[in-house]
Each structure stands twice: as C-alpha cells, then as structure tokens.
Amino acid sequence: MIEKQKYAHAKTYRVSSYRECLSTCEKIRKTSNAYAIIEFEKPLEIEGRTSFPYSNFYLKGNGSKFVSNSAGKYTDKDNRELTTWRTATFSSYGDNCIFEDFIFENRACLPEKNGQAVALSCFSNNCLFINCKIVSSQDTLFIGPLPDDLIFRYTDFIPERERLIEGNLHNYFYSCYIEGGIDFIFGAGQASFYKCQIDSEEDNRFSTSFVSAPAHSMKDDFGFHFYKCNFTSRTIFQQRVYLARPWRDFGKCFFNSCKYGKHISSEGFINWELTQRQLTCRFLEYPRQKSRVSFAKEVDDVSKLKQYVKDIRNLEKLD
C-alpha cells in the first residue's frame, strides 16, 4: 500500500484549477518520475467527466468536488447508450497515488429513469483515497478491472486502457463516505475499505437492494475487504439491504469487524437472480452473524488469513 511517508520529502505545487493541476503533472513527468504533491489552493467544483492519468502524485483537494450527471441510458453522438462504462464522473488511471479530501459525485439520480451512474472508476493500482465522499445511486464505485467476459464484449466501445489491464489491481479507501442504492461497490479488482461509512439509499424500483457486487475470478485470492466499516442508511429502516451478491462466479468479499444498521438483512447475503453462484461465491464474515445464509462462511481465526492480516496492519498505520 502506498504510504504518506513516500511523500515526506516531495515538493509541493499549489494549483488554482484542475487544468493547472493536469498541466503541472504533465510538466513534472516530462523530466522526472519522482513523487510530488499537488495541493488545491481552495475548494473547486470541476464539472463533467474527467480523469487523472499520472502516477506517483499526492493530490490534496481541500474539499474540491468532481461532479457530473452522466447516466447509462443517455446516448452518445452515435445514438448508443452510455451503459455503466461511460458514465464515471472521475476515473483514476495512474498508480501509487493518494487522493485526499475530494468529493466524487454523479448527480444523474433517478436510476429507474436514467440507469447506472458511476461516480468513481478505479483503473489504477495501489492508490489510496483518504477522507473522500463518493456519491451516486446505482453503480457508485467501480473497482477495476472488468470481469473477463466483458473485455471482449466491449471491444469497440470501451478504450483499451480500461479493458486491457494486466495483473491484479488493489486500491485502498480510508475514512471515506460511500453512498448508493444498487450494487454501488462493484468490480473485479481488489479493494480495502477501512473505517468507511457505507450508506444505502432508497431505490424506488426494488423492494430489496445490495451494497456490493463482487466479480472476481477463481484465481483471485483477495477480493473486497471491509474492515471496521459502518453500514448505515438515512432512508431505509427495515431489513431489506444485502451486503453482497455475486456479480460473477467466484466473487469474493470479507466483512471484518463491521457495524450494521437495522436496514441490513439478517441473512446478510443473497444470490444473483437466476444463477447458481451461491455455489462458487466466496463470502466471509468475522464475526459471522448467526442468521446468515449458509454460503456466507465463518472465519474463526482471522490470523489464519495471512493476506488479510497484512492488509489490516497497513490500514491501521493510517490512524
């Protein structure tokens, strides 16, 4: 995991616009790959879909917002629906970056009318998001890469830098607020969430809703790790929200020492409709609630899961 100490001796550049941020990063990268800090002089509101393509930067937003209203049922100039994959307000592509004190928001709303609306897409590796707000309705936060079958399905629709990613991506979220309604944390990449507030909001289309939709392949041994997170809701007061459902076979997630509001179903987890993925998904919980579904497995001794123990220690260093 990228650590703040990497930036202890880095030079700081102060910028007054996001355009200046990008041009400054470009100039730095033409001469050096050294770590550098970019600090926004004041809170900005950056409108429209945008991205950050550079590695080894620490961006301090001071409350700056990236906002858009792009949704899956909107169409492009060729009259093609945007689907999930062309709606992200902000996309990260560079590696080893830190993003602190930003808001990533997709304001399309009304998913029953407008469809999916991604706020943040991570196609990066080893990036850390600190004290960020990630807000939308359906499909709020995408953790790349894509599931394998979609790489070929969207050959002429999604750019190669999003489809053709090699290796396992792992990104980190510390003390973030993440809001959505349906499958709002999803993807096939690895992600660690530490002390995050994960808030479920009402979706008028369904009587039930779902926090996460993991889509990992069988070869992935990590998945999504929620550690000491608080699952809340301001609008749902009955047990009809599930922590996860498997978007693809072998989807993996681990809910570790979390707190759950009354909106979380006592069963905890649910299968993806019309599939047999309950036979292959890898859902873990510690401590496991007594009423959980049978395919959510108990972890008696977290220390036996070495990769999670290492992950926990790295996250706790942020406190």
Protein backbone atom coordinates (compact mmCIF):
# COMPACT_ATOMS: atom_id res chain seq x y z
CA MET A 1 0.00 0.00 0.00
CA ILE A 2 1.24 3.47 -0.86
CA GLU A 3 2.15 5.34 2.34
CA LYS A 4 2.32 9.03 3.15
CA GLN A 5 5.98 8.61 4.09
CA LYS A 6 6.74 8.22 0.38
CA TYR A 7 5.88 11.91 0.05
CA ALA A 8 7.80 13.11 3.13
CA HIS A 9 10.43 14.90 1.04
CA ALA A 10 8.32 15.54 -2.05
CA LYS A 11 7.97 19.01 -3.50
CA THR A 12 4.57 20.68 -3.18
CA TYR A 13 2.91 22.51 -6.07
CA ARG A 14 -0.15 24.68 -5.40
CA VAL A 15 -2.76 24.98 -8.16
CA SER A 16 -5.89 27.08 -8.62
CA SER A 17 -7.70 24.93 -11.22
CA TYR A 18 -7.87 21.31 -12.32
CA ARG A 19 -6.49 22.28 -15.72
CA GLU A 20 -3.47 23.72 -13.94
CA CYS A 21 -3.21 20.51 -11.91
CA LEU A 22 -3.03 18.37 -15.03
CA SER A 23 -0.60 20.67 -16.85
CA THR A 24 1.66 20.79 -13.78
CA CYS A 25 1.70 16.99 -13.54
CA GLU A 26 2.46 16.70 -17.23
CA LYS A 27 5.42 19.08 -16.96
CA ILE A 28 6.80 17.20 -13.97
CA ARG A 29 6.53 13.85 -15.72
CA LYS A 30 8.42 15.09 -18.76
CA THR A 31 11.56 15.36 -16.64
CA SER A 32 11.06 13.07 -13.65
CA ASN A 33 9.02 10.21 -12.18
CA ALA A 34 9.63 11.41 -8.63
CA TYR A 35 6.85 11.66 -6.07
CA ALA A 36 5.21 15.09 -5.94
CA ILE A 37 2.37 16.77 -4.02
CA ILE A 38 -0.34 18.79 -5.77
CA GLU A 39 -2.43 20.91 -3.43
CA PHE A 40 -5.56 22.77 -4.50
CA GLU A 41 -5.39 26.33 -3.15
CA LYS A 42 -9.14 26.42 -2.47
CA PRO A 43 -12.15 24.11 -2.90
CA LEU A 44 -13.02 23.77 -6.57
CA GLU A 45 -16.03 22.34 -8.40
CA ILE A 46 -14.95 20.54 -11.55
CA GLU A 47 -17.90 19.73 -13.82
CA GLY A 48 -18.13 16.97 -16.40
CA ARG A 49 -16.48 13.61 -16.78
CA THR A 50 -12.74 13.74 -16.16
CA SER A 51 -9.78 11.59 -15.18
CA PHE A 52 -6.29 11.53 -13.70
CA PRO A 53 -3.72 9.62 -15.80
CA TYR A 54 -0.46 10.15 -13.85
CA SER A 55 1.40 8.03 -11.27
CA ASN A 56 3.21 8.95 -8.05
CA PHE A 57 1.22 12.04 -7.09
CA TYR A 58 -0.41 13.06 -3.81
CA LEU A 59 -3.43 15.23 -4.59
CA LYS A 60 -4.86 17.29 -1.73
CA GLY A 61 -8.31 18.52 -2.68
CA ASN A 62 -9.25 20.62 0.36
CA GLY A 63 -12.90 19.75 -0.28
CA SER A 64 -12.88 20.03 -4.06
CA LYS A 65 -15.71 18.36 -6.00
CA PHE A 66 -15.78 16.43 -9.24
CA VAL A 67 -19.40 16.39 -10.43
CA SER A 68 -21.30 15.16 -13.49
CA ASN A 69 -24.76 13.97 -14.44
CA SER A 70 -23.88 11.26 -16.94
CA ALA A 71 -26.12 8.16 -16.87
CA GLY A 72 -26.29 4.78 -18.57
CA LYS A 73 -29.47 5.41 -20.54
CA TYR A 74 -28.17 8.63 -22.03
CA THR A 75 -26.84 8.31 -25.58
CA ASP A 76 -23.68 9.44 -27.34
CA LYS A 77 -23.35 11.20 -30.71
CA ASP A 78 -23.83 7.82 -32.44
CA ASN A 79 -27.08 7.23 -30.52
CA ARG A 80 -25.52 4.44 -28.46
CA GLU A 81 -26.47 4.19 -24.80
CA LEU A 82 -23.57 5.02 -22.49
CA THR A 83 -24.24 1.98 -20.26
CA THR A 84 -22.33 1.76 -16.99
CA TRP A 85 -18.94 2.07 -18.63
CA ARG A 86 -19.10 5.60 -19.99
CA THR A 87 -20.73 7.39 -17.07
CA ALA A 88 -17.94 7.80 -14.49
CA THR A 89 -17.56 11.31 -13.12
CA PHE A 90 -13.89 10.61 -12.33
CA SER A 91 -11.56 7.83 -13.47
CA SER A 92 -8.15 7.13 -11.96
CA TYR A 93 -5.53 5.53 -14.21
CA GLY A 94 -2.18 6.32 -12.57
CA ASP A 95 -0.59 4.13 -9.90
CA ASN A 96 0.76 4.87 -6.40
CA CYS A 97 -1.35 8.00 -5.93
CA ILE A 98 -3.08 9.47 -2.89
CA PHE A 99 -6.34 11.41 -3.20
CA GLU A 100 -7.30 13.26 -0.02
CA ASP A 101 -10.38 15.39 0.76
CA PHE A 102 -12.23 15.10 -2.54
CA ILE A 103 -15.88 14.62 -3.44
CA PHE A 104 -16.70 12.43 -6.44
CA GLU A 105 -20.39 12.78 -7.27
CA ASN A 106 -22.66 11.70 -10.09
CA ARG A 107 -25.85 13.77 -9.90
CA ALA A 108 -27.85 11.94 -12.57
CA CYS A 109 -30.11 10.43 -9.88
CA LEU A 110 -33.40 8.68 -10.76
CA PRO A 111 -31.82 5.32 -11.71
CA GLU A 112 -35.28 3.98 -12.62
CA LYS A 113 -35.31 6.53 -15.44
CA ASN A 114 -31.65 7.28 -16.16
CA GLY A 115 -29.92 3.99 -15.35
CA GLN A 116 -26.44 3.47 -13.93
CA ALA A 117 -24.39 6.45 -12.84
CA VAL A 118 -20.79 5.85 -11.75
CA ALA A 119 -19.12 8.44 -9.53
CA LEU A 120 -15.60 6.95 -9.38
CA SER A 121 -13.89 4.30 -11.51
CA CYS A 122 -10.54 2.88 -10.43
CA PHE A 123 -8.38 1.55 -13.25
CA SER A 124 -5.31 2.35 -11.16
CA ASN A 125 -3.20 0.23 -8.83
CA ASN A 126 -2.02 0.90 -5.29
CA CYS A 127 -3.92 4.16 -4.88
CA LEU A 128 -5.21 5.45 -1.56
CA PHE A 129 -8.35 7.54 -1.09
CA ILE A 130 -8.47 9.40 2.24
CA ASN A 131 -11.50 11.22 3.63
CA CYS A 132 -13.28 11.26 0.27
CA LYS A 133 -17.01 11.27 -0.46
CA ILE A 134 -18.16 9.03 -3.32
CA VAL A 135 -21.83 9.62 -4.07
CA SER A 136 -24.35 8.34 -6.61
CA SER A 137 -27.27 5.88 -6.86
CA GLN A 138 -26.65 2.70 -8.86
CA ASP A 139 -23.04 1.57 -9.50
CA THR A 140 -21.40 4.36 -7.50
CA LEU A 141 -17.86 2.95 -7.19
CA PHE A 142 -16.29 0.68 -9.78
CA ILE A 143 -13.20 -1.27 -8.73
CA GLY A 144 -11.36 -2.28 -11.92
CA PRO A 145 -10.54 -4.28 -13.84
CA LEU A 146 -13.55 -5.52 -15.79
CA PRO A 147 -14.74 -9.11 -15.50
CA ASP A 148 -13.01 -11.20 -18.16
CA ASP A 149 -16.09 -11.74 -20.32
CA LEU A 150 -16.70 -8.00 -20.72
CA ILE A 151 -13.21 -7.41 -22.13
CA PHE A 152 -14.34 -8.95 -25.40
CA ARG A 153 -17.96 -7.81 -25.33
CA TYR A 154 -16.97 -4.13 -25.34
CA THR A 155 -14.04 -4.25 -27.77
CA ASP A 156 -15.27 -1.31 -29.86
CA PHE A 157 -16.92 0.55 -27.01
CA ILE A 158 -14.51 0.79 -24.07
CA PRO A 159 -10.95 2.15 -24.59
CA GLU A 160 -8.05 -0.27 -24.29
CA ARG A 161 -6.61 1.39 -21.18
CA GLU A 162 -9.80 0.31 -19.38
CA ARG A 163 -10.24 -3.12 -20.99
CA LEU A 164 -6.70 -4.45 -21.27
CA ILE A 165 -5.28 -4.26 -17.76
CA GLU A 166 -2.68 -6.82 -16.71
CA GLY A 167 -2.18 -8.06 -13.18
CA ASN A 168 -4.19 -7.59 -10.01
CA LEU A 169 -5.22 -4.06 -9.10
CA HIS A 170 -5.52 -3.18 -5.40
CA ASN A 171 -6.81 0.16 -4.15
CA TYR A 172 -7.48 1.48 -0.65
CA PHE A 173 -10.16 3.61 0.97
CA TYR A 174 -9.68 5.11 4.43
CA SER A 175 -12.32 7.08 6.32
CA CYS A 176 -14.41 7.59 3.17
CA TYR A 177 -18.15 8.06 2.78
CA ILE A 178 -19.68 5.94 0.00
CA GLU A 179 -23.35 6.30 -0.92
CA GLY A 180 -25.60 4.41 -3.32
CA GLY A 181 -28.61 2.18 -3.78
CA ILE A 182 -27.98 -0.85 -6.01
CA ASP A 183 -24.66 -2.73 -6.36
CA PHE A 184 -22.88 0.50 -5.57
CA ILE A 185 -19.48 -1.05 -4.86
CA PHE A 186 -18.72 -3.42 -7.71
CA GLY A 187 -16.00 -4.82 -9.94
CA ALA A 188 -13.33 -7.49 -10.33
CA GLY A 189 -10.42 -5.71 -8.63
CA GLN A 190 -9.10 -5.87 -5.11
CA ALA A 191 -10.08 -3.17 -2.65
CA SER A 192 -9.67 -2.48 1.05
CA PHE A 193 -12.09 -0.28 2.98
CA TYR A 194 -11.07 0.83 6.48
CA LYS A 195 -13.33 2.82 8.81
CA CYS A 196 -15.57 3.87 5.93
CA GLN A 197 -19.22 4.84 6.23
CA ILE A 198 -21.18 2.97 3.59
CA ASP A 199 -24.66 4.42 3.23
CA SER A 200 -27.56 2.73 1.43
CA GLU A 201 -30.22 4.99 -0.06
CA GLU A 202 -33.70 4.14 -1.30
CA ASP A 203 -34.19 2.84 -4.84
CA ASN A 204 -37.82 3.02 -5.93
CA ARG A 205 -37.53 0.13 -8.39
CA PHE A 206 -36.92 -2.70 -5.94
CA SER A 207 -38.10 -3.94 -2.57
CA THR A 208 -34.53 -5.07 -1.81
CA SER A 209 -31.15 -3.55 -2.56
CA PHE A 210 -27.50 -4.54 -2.46
CA VAL A 211 -24.32 -2.88 -1.27
CA SER A 212 -21.61 -4.74 -3.18
CA ALA A 213 -21.40 -6.87 -6.32
CA PRO A 214 -18.00 -8.62 -6.49
CA ALA A 215 -16.97 -10.21 -9.79
CA HIS A 216 -13.59 -11.76 -9.06
CA SER A 217 -12.23 -14.75 -10.93
CA MET A 218 -11.28 -18.02 -9.30
CA LYS A 219 -7.57 -17.11 -9.37
CA ASP A 220 -8.12 -14.00 -7.21
CA ASP A 221 -7.44 -14.71 -3.54
CA PHE A 222 -8.39 -11.34 -2.02
CA GLY A 223 -11.48 -9.55 -3.34
CA PHE A 224 -13.13 -6.75 -1.32
CA HIS A 225 -12.14 -6.32 2.33
CA PHE A 226 -14.39 -4.20 4.55
CA TYR A 227 -12.63 -3.63 7.88
CA LYS A 228 -14.29 -1.76 10.75
CA CYS A 229 -16.75 -0.13 8.36
CA ASN A 230 -20.11 1.28 9.41
CA PHE A 231 -23.08 0.34 7.21
CA THR A 232 -25.81 2.98 7.56
CA SER A 233 -28.97 4.27 5.91
CA ARG A 234 -30.87 7.53 6.22
CA THR A 235 -33.92 6.32 4.29
CA ILE A 236 -34.28 2.55 4.82
CA PHE A 237 -35.49 1.33 8.19
CA GLN A 238 -36.31 -2.32 7.53
CA GLN A 239 -34.08 -5.32 6.93
CA ARG A 240 -34.05 -5.32 3.14
CA VAL A 241 -30.49 -4.43 2.16
CA TYR A 242 -27.97 -7.19 1.46
CA LEU A 243 -24.25 -6.75 1.96
CA ALA A 244 -23.29 -8.54 -1.25
CA ARG A 245 -24.48 -10.58 -4.19
CA PRO A 246 -22.12 -12.31 -6.67
CA TRP A 247 -22.00 -10.41 -9.97
CA ARG A 248 -19.87 -13.21 -11.40
CA ASP A 249 -18.88 -16.69 -10.23
CA PHE A 250 -16.18 -16.68 -7.52
CA GLY A 251 -16.87 -13.10 -6.43
CA LYS A 252 -15.11 -12.61 -3.10
CA CYS A 253 -15.62 -10.27 -0.16
CA PHE A 254 -14.79 -10.27 3.54
CA PHE A 255 -16.74 -8.24 6.10
CA ASN A 256 -14.41 -7.92 9.06
CA SER A 257 -15.41 -6.39 12.42
CA CYS A 258 -18.06 -4.14 10.85
CA LYS A 259 -21.14 -2.43 12.28
CA TYR A 260 -24.52 -2.90 10.64
CA GLY A 261 -27.62 -0.71 10.79
CA LYS A 262 -31.14 -2.11 11.02
CA HIS A 263 -31.51 -1.86 7.25
CA ILE A 264 -29.14 -4.80 6.69
CA SER A 265 -30.95 -8.10 6.19
CA SER A 266 -30.32 -10.69 8.88
CA GLU A 267 -29.40 -13.11 6.08
CA GLY A 268 -26.65 -10.73 5.05
CA PHE A 269 -26.06 -12.07 1.56
CA ILE A 270 -28.12 -13.15 -1.43
CA ASN A 271 -27.55 -14.98 -4.69
CA TRP A 272 -27.62 -13.25 -8.09
CA GLU A 273 -31.05 -13.96 -9.56
CA LEU A 274 -31.49 -16.97 -11.83
CA THR A 275 -27.95 -18.27 -11.23
CA GLN A 276 -26.19 -20.89 -9.11
CA ARG A 277 -23.43 -18.53 -7.99
CA GLN A 278 -24.09 -19.30 -4.35
CA LEU A 279 -22.11 -22.46 -5.10
CA THR A 280 -18.99 -20.59 -6.20
CA CYS A 281 -19.02 -17.18 -4.49
CA ARG A 282 -16.65 -16.63 -1.57
CA PHE A 283 -18.34 -14.54 1.10
CA LEU A 284 -16.68 -14.31 4.50
CA GLU A 285 -17.62 -12.56 7.73
CA TYR A 286 -15.96 -12.08 11.10
CA PRO A 287 -17.63 -12.44 13.48
CA ARG A 288 -20.30 -14.26 11.49
CA GLN A 289 -23.87 -13.35 12.45
CA LYS A 290 -25.95 -16.37 13.48
CA SER A 291 -28.73 -15.81 10.97
CA ARG A 292 -26.51 -15.51 7.87
CA VAL A 293 -27.13 -17.62 4.76
CA SER A 294 -25.26 -20.91 4.62
CA PHE A 295 -22.99 -19.84 1.75
CA ALA A 296 -21.55 -16.98 3.84
CA LYS A 297 -18.67 -18.63 5.64
CA GLU A 298 -17.42 -18.02 9.13
CA VAL A 299 -13.85 -17.02 9.87
CA ASP A 300 -12.94 -18.45 13.26
CA ASP A 301 -9.41 -17.12 13.33
CA VAL A 302 -8.53 -14.09 11.23
CA SER A 303 -4.82 -14.69 11.81
CA LYS A 304 -5.07 -17.74 9.53
CA LEU A 305 -5.78 -15.44 6.60
CA LYS A 306 -2.32 -14.00 6.11
CA GLN A 307 -3.16 -11.65 3.27
CA TYR A 308 -5.91 -10.01 5.31
CA VAL A 309 -3.74 -9.67 8.40
CA LYS A 310 -1.10 -7.85 6.34
CA ASP A 311 -3.79 -5.65 4.85
CA ILE A 312 -5.19 -4.78 8.29
CA ARG A 313 -1.79 -3.75 9.61
CA ASN A 314 -1.17 -1.48 6.63
CA LEU A 315 -4.56 0.18 7.06
CA GLU A 316 -4.16 0.68 10.80
CA LYS A 317 -1.00 2.69 10.20
CA LEU A 318 -3.26 5.45 8.82
CA ASP A 319 -4.76 6.14 12.26
